[in-house]
Amino acid sequence: MDIVFAGICCWVDAVPPKQGKTVIIRNALRGGTHAGTPIPSHWAFIHAKRGDVDTANWPISLAGDDNVFLYLTGDYLTIDPQPTGGNTDISLLPHVLGDEARDPICPAADRIRTGFCQQPRTSRVLALVDLPPDAPVTCEANEHNAIYAILHIPQAPVTITATPFADSPGLPRSLTITNPNAEVFIANVSFGDYLVGVGAPDDDHKYLVCDIFKPATQTQLALPTNPDVPTTTFAAVLSLSEVHADELDHVSLGTLKRAAGRDMRDFLSTLAAGCSDSQWP
């Protein structure tokens, strides 16, 4: 089976004494702006086909025929059995700081801000996933050059457990993948576009990752935040359920039904290059 990380998911070195990688799925439910251009709200969720999973211990947040979506609301995600016995190759992922071949997303990123990896806050991050150094991970790109990371697991069943952060409104829950050939997505994307399958040739979504990092100097990096509602006050202003409910006002039952006939990989096909996974440093 494949567990695919798609959208605004940033891969960083695990905080010592851990080894391996931590995947940060930041809270982008409020969207943001970059250079005056609005960046839409992004939802963090697990997406699977109904017949591939047992959701007895994790109530479905949203379903449309054969697609099920389960919200991430500030959770540590663990995978059992732990994926080992391979190599983690994320060399295709764009670098937050850039490399010789690519322009940096956040050239002034200096270190990870508080509230993301250590003592994470729901206002800043909706999920963290720790993976060991020998987790079998590869990357692929769609025709728009949106890049996503794929965790390969040879057997089933596999259980994903969500343990809420200290300040999370969620409850402990688990999801079991029963089909050894399943593709299950852990995504952080613009939900309406994801369902409809209409994406831009490129976009500014990648700048949402900047808010994870503290710039060396504040003047060097314009962070994509909503000036009216700072992310640090998000929980006090608008609950997660209210954000989801507001977005669902724009998602029709017909849209969910049309999405039912789409293959899992088809949901990845319209992501723009700017809505890729990334890596730091």
Protein backbone atom coordinates (compact mmCIF):
# COMPACT_ATOMS: atom_id res chain seq x y z
CA MET A 1 0.00 0.00 0.00
CA ASP A 2 1.02 3.62 -0.43
CA ILE A 3 0.44 6.45 2.01
CA VAL A 4 0.81 9.67 0.00
CA PHE A 5 1.66 13.04 1.57
CA ALA A 6 0.25 15.79 -0.65
CA GLY A 7 0.07 19.57 -0.49
CA ILE A 8 1.54 21.77 2.22
CA CYS A 9 3.52 19.10 4.09
CA CYS A 10 7.07 20.07 5.10
CA TRP A 11 9.68 17.38 5.80
CA VAL A 12 12.26 18.33 8.44
CA ASP A 13 14.86 16.46 10.47
CA ALA A 14 13.29 14.93 13.57
CA VAL A 15 13.96 16.77 16.82
CA PRO A 16 16.79 15.05 18.79
CA PRO A 17 17.04 12.49 20.25
CA LYS A 18 14.80 11.14 17.47
CA GLN A 19 16.26 10.21 14.13
CA GLY A 20 14.57 10.24 10.77
CA LYS A 21 12.08 12.81 9.52
CA THR A 22 9.11 14.69 10.91
CA VAL A 23 6.37 15.78 8.52
CA ILE A 24 4.81 19.11 9.56
CA ILE A 25 1.26 19.67 8.32
CA ARG A 26 0.70 23.29 9.25
CA ASN A 27 -2.59 24.92 10.11
CA ALA A 28 -3.52 26.84 6.96
CA LEU A 29 -7.28 26.87 7.49
CA ARG A 30 -7.24 30.65 7.37
CA GLY A 31 -5.24 30.72 4.14
CA GLY A 32 -3.12 33.81 3.75
CA THR A 33 -1.69 36.30 1.28
CA HIS A 34 1.56 36.64 -0.61
CA ALA A 35 2.57 39.81 -2.47
CA GLY A 36 -1.04 40.94 -2.25
CA THR A 37 -2.42 37.72 -3.75
CA PRO A 38 -4.87 35.75 -1.57
CA ILE A 39 -3.99 32.15 -0.75
CA PRO A 40 -7.12 30.04 -0.13
CA SER A 41 -7.89 28.00 2.94
CA HIS A 42 -6.23 24.59 3.08
CA TRP A 43 -7.72 21.59 4.85
CA ALA A 44 -5.66 18.85 6.51
CA PHE A 45 -7.27 15.42 6.27
CA ILE A 46 -6.85 11.73 5.53
CA HIS A 47 -8.55 10.63 2.29
CA ALA A 48 -9.27 7.01 1.43
CA LYS A 49 -11.68 4.86 -0.54
CA ARG A 50 -14.38 3.47 1.72
CA GLY A 51 -13.67 -0.17 0.88
CA ASP A 52 -9.97 0.15 1.76
CA VAL A 53 -10.31 1.20 5.39
CA ASP A 54 -12.04 0.34 8.64
CA THR A 55 -13.28 3.52 10.24
CA ALA A 56 -14.92 1.92 13.27
CA ASN A 57 -12.69 3.86 15.66
CA TRP A 58 -12.55 7.11 13.71
CA PRO A 59 -15.86 8.73 12.80
CA ILE A 60 -15.92 9.88 9.18
CA SER A 61 -15.83 13.67 8.94
CA LEU A 62 -17.16 13.82 5.40
CA ALA A 63 -18.14 11.14 2.88
CA GLY A 64 -19.26 11.09 -0.72
CA ASP A 65 -20.16 7.65 -2.02
CA ASP A 66 -16.83 5.78 -2.09
CA ASN A 67 -14.60 8.61 -0.78
CA VAL A 68 -14.13 9.19 2.93
CA PHE A 69 -12.38 12.17 4.49
CA LEU A 70 -11.20 12.37 8.10
CA TYR A 71 -10.12 15.75 9.45
CA LEU A 72 -6.82 16.33 11.21
CA THR A 73 -7.44 18.69 14.12
CA GLY A 74 -4.09 18.93 15.91
CA ASP A 75 -2.73 15.38 16.16
CA TYR A 76 0.37 13.27 16.43
CA LEU A 77 -0.04 10.57 13.79
CA THR A 78 1.63 7.20 14.29
CA ILE A 79 1.72 4.30 11.85
CA ASP A 80 1.65 0.69 13.09
CA PRO A 81 3.53 -1.40 12.13
CA GLN A 82 6.26 1.19 11.86
CA PRO A 83 7.49 1.51 8.25
CA THR A 84 11.13 0.37 8.06
CA GLY A 85 13.51 -1.58 5.84
CA GLY A 86 14.08 0.95 3.06
CA ASN A 87 15.45 4.39 2.31
CA THR A 88 13.93 7.85 2.57
CA ASP A 89 14.57 9.65 -0.71
CA ILE A 90 12.96 13.10 -0.76
CA SER A 91 15.52 14.67 -3.09
CA LEU A 92 12.78 15.75 -5.52
CA LEU A 93 11.00 17.88 -2.93
CA PRO A 94 11.60 21.63 -3.29
CA HIS A 95 13.81 23.13 -0.60
CA VAL A 96 12.45 25.87 1.61
CA LEU A 97 15.92 27.45 1.54
CA GLY A 98 16.53 26.57 -2.12
CA ASP A 99 19.45 24.76 -3.72
CA GLU A 100 21.68 25.24 -6.74
CA ALA A 101 18.91 24.38 -9.18
CA ARG A 102 15.89 26.06 -7.60
CA ASP A 103 14.90 29.39 -6.17
CA PRO A 104 14.22 29.29 -2.42
CA ILE A 105 10.66 29.51 -1.15
CA CYS A 106 11.69 31.33 2.04
CA PRO A 107 15.26 32.61 1.55
CA ALA A 108 15.46 34.05 5.07
CA ALA A 109 14.18 30.98 6.95
CA ASP A 110 16.45 30.50 9.92
CA ARG A 111 14.87 27.97 12.27
CA ILE A 112 11.53 26.32 13.04
CA ARG A 113 9.21 28.54 15.04
CA THR A 114 7.94 27.46 18.43
CA GLY A 115 4.65 25.62 18.52
CA PHE A 116 5.27 23.49 15.43
CA CYS A 117 7.47 20.53 16.42
CA GLN A 118 8.08 20.91 20.14
CA GLN A 119 4.94 21.48 22.22
CA PRO A 120 2.89 21.95 19.04
CA ARG A 121 -0.08 24.29 19.06
CA THR A 122 -3.23 23.56 17.09
CA SER A 123 -3.27 27.19 15.97
CA ARG A 124 -0.04 26.48 14.09
CA VAL A 125 -0.01 22.81 13.10
CA LEU A 126 -2.78 20.28 12.42
CA ALA A 127 -0.65 17.12 12.34
CA LEU A 128 2.87 15.82 12.95
CA VAL A 129 4.14 12.51 11.62
CA ASP A 130 7.46 11.02 12.76
CA LEU A 131 9.10 8.53 10.40
CA PRO A 132 12.26 6.47 11.07
CA PRO A 133 15.42 7.02 8.98
CA ASP A 134 14.85 3.79 7.02
CA ALA A 135 11.23 4.50 6.14
CA PRO A 136 10.73 3.53 2.46
CA VAL A 137 9.81 6.89 0.92
CA THR A 138 10.01 8.05 -2.70
CA CYS A 139 8.65 11.08 -4.53
CA GLU A 140 6.70 11.63 -7.73
CA ALA A 141 5.42 14.63 -9.68
CA ASN A 142 2.24 15.21 -11.65
CA GLU A 143 2.10 16.91 -15.06
CA HIS A 144 2.07 20.34 -13.39
CA ASN A 145 5.21 19.45 -11.44
CA ALA A 146 3.43 19.25 -8.11
CA ILE A 147 5.59 16.88 -6.07
CA TYR A 148 4.31 14.53 -3.40
CA ALA A 149 6.01 11.97 -1.16
CA ILE A 150 4.94 8.33 -1.00
CA LEU A 151 5.46 6.03 1.98
CA HIS A 152 5.49 2.42 0.76
CA ILE A 153 4.24 -0.32 3.10
CA PRO A 154 4.18 -3.89 1.78
CA GLN A 155 1.56 -5.40 4.05
CA ALA A 156 -1.88 -4.90 5.54
CA PRO A 157 -3.45 -4.18 7.91
CA VAL A 158 -1.83 -0.89 8.88
CA THR A 159 -3.25 1.34 11.61
CA ILE A 160 -2.93 5.13 11.70
CA THR A 161 -3.52 6.48 15.20
CA ALA A 162 -4.23 10.14 15.96
CA THR A 163 -3.25 11.34 19.44
CA PRO A 164 -4.38 14.93 20.07
CA PHE A 165 -1.96 17.67 21.05
CA ALA A 166 -2.35 19.08 24.54
CA ASP A 167 -4.53 21.93 23.26
CA SER A 168 -6.35 19.99 20.53
CA PRO A 169 -10.16 19.81 20.46
CA GLY A 170 -9.94 16.30 18.98
CA LEU A 171 -10.21 12.87 20.59
CA PRO A 172 -7.88 9.84 20.37
CA ARG A 173 -8.87 7.76 17.34
CA SER A 174 -7.51 5.27 14.83
CA LEU A 175 -8.02 4.18 11.24
CA THR A 176 -7.07 0.77 9.87
CA ILE A 177 -6.10 0.29 6.22
CA THR A 178 -7.18 -3.23 5.31
CA ASN A 179 -6.38 -3.38 1.58
CA PRO A 180 -2.67 -4.12 0.87
CA ASN A 181 -3.05 -2.37 -2.51
CA ALA A 182 -4.70 0.77 -1.14
CA GLU A 183 -3.63 4.34 -1.73
CA VAL A 184 -4.40 6.57 1.24
CA PHE A 185 -3.61 10.29 1.24
CA ILE A 186 -2.54 12.54 4.08
CA ALA A 187 -3.26 15.90 2.46
CA ASN A 188 -3.19 19.61 3.20
CA VAL A 189 -4.83 21.23 0.18
CA SER A 190 -7.49 23.64 -1.00
CA PHE A 191 -10.44 21.31 -0.50
CA GLY A 192 -12.90 22.66 -3.07
CA ASP A 193 -10.33 22.62 -5.87
CA TYR A 194 -9.18 19.17 -4.77
CA LEU A 195 -12.71 17.76 -5.04
CA VAL A 196 -13.56 19.43 -8.33
CA GLY A 197 -10.20 18.63 -9.90
CA VAL A 198 -9.61 22.09 -11.32
CA GLY A 199 -6.20 23.48 -10.57
CA ALA A 200 -4.10 26.43 -11.70
CA PRO A 201 -0.92 25.91 -13.76
CA ASP A 202 0.96 27.41 -10.80
CA ASP A 203 0.07 29.19 -7.57
CA ASP A 204 1.34 30.82 -4.41
CA HIS A 205 0.33 27.99 -2.08
CA LYS A 206 3.99 27.13 -1.42
CA TYR A 207 4.38 30.34 0.58
CA LEU A 208 2.13 28.92 3.29
CA VAL A 209 5.15 26.93 4.42
CA CYS A 210 7.00 30.13 5.33
CA ASP A 211 4.98 30.60 8.49
CA ILE A 212 6.64 27.46 9.92
CA PHE A 213 10.03 29.17 10.01
CA LYS A 214 11.52 32.08 11.87
CA PRO A 215 13.34 34.42 9.48
CA ALA A 216 16.83 35.60 10.27
CA THR A 217 15.45 39.15 10.12
CA GLN A 218 11.78 40.03 10.00
CA THR A 219 12.27 42.38 7.04
CA GLN A 220 13.68 39.69 4.75
CA LEU A 221 10.64 37.45 4.64
CA ALA A 222 7.04 38.44 4.09
CA LEU A 223 5.02 35.71 5.74
CA PRO A 224 1.67 34.69 4.21
CA THR A 225 -0.64 35.51 7.08
CA ASN A 226 -4.10 36.99 7.33
CA PRO A 227 -3.51 40.50 8.73
CA ASP A 228 -6.97 40.61 10.28
CA VAL A 229 -6.72 37.34 12.24
CA PRO A 230 -3.16 36.40 13.34
CA THR A 231 -2.57 32.67 13.42
CA THR A 232 -1.61 32.83 17.10
CA THR A 233 -5.16 33.85 17.99
CA PHE A 234 -6.87 31.42 15.63
CA ALA A 235 -8.30 29.11 18.30
CA ALA A 236 -9.89 32.00 20.18
CA VAL A 237 -11.46 33.48 17.06
CA LEU A 238 -12.79 30.59 15.04
CA SER A 239 -13.13 26.90 15.90
CA LEU A 240 -11.98 24.20 13.52
CA SER A 241 -15.55 22.98 13.07
CA GLU A 242 -16.70 26.48 12.10
CA VAL A 243 -13.98 26.76 9.47
CA HIS A 244 -14.94 23.40 7.98
CA ALA A 245 -18.64 24.26 8.04
CA ASP A 246 -18.02 27.57 6.29
CA GLU A 247 -16.00 25.88 3.53
CA LEU A 248 -18.61 23.14 3.09
CA ASP A 249 -21.16 25.81 2.25
CA HIS A 250 -19.34 26.02 -1.08
CA VAL A 251 -19.16 22.25 -1.68
CA SER A 252 -22.31 20.80 -3.19
CA LEU A 253 -23.63 17.26 -2.90
CA GLY A 254 -23.24 17.02 -6.67
CA THR A 255 -19.53 17.80 -6.34
CA LEU A 256 -19.11 14.96 -3.86
CA LYS A 257 -21.01 12.58 -6.14
CA ARG A 258 -18.90 13.51 -9.17
CA ALA A 259 -15.75 12.94 -7.14
CA ALA A 260 -16.88 9.38 -6.40
CA GLY A 261 -15.86 8.08 -9.81
CA ARG A 262 -12.34 9.47 -9.67
CA ASP A 263 -9.31 7.29 -9.09
CA MET A 264 -7.18 8.26 -6.09
CA ARG A 265 -4.27 9.36 -8.29
CA ASP A 266 -6.64 11.57 -10.27
CA PHE A 267 -7.06 13.74 -7.16
CA LEU A 268 -3.32 14.47 -7.37
CA SER A 269 -3.33 15.22 -11.09
CA THR A 270 -4.58 18.80 -10.86
CA LEU A 271 -2.44 20.02 -7.95
CA ALA A 272 -0.32 22.95 -9.06
CA ALA A 273 3.45 23.07 -8.60
CA GLY A 274 3.08 25.51 -5.74
CA CYS A 275 1.05 22.98 -3.74
CA SER A 276 3.94 20.56 -3.34
CA ASP A 277 5.53 18.94 -0.34
CA SER A 278 8.74 20.71 0.68
CA GLN A 279 11.85 19.99 2.74
CA TRP A 280 14.00 21.98 5.14
CA PRO A 281 16.84 22.75 5.47
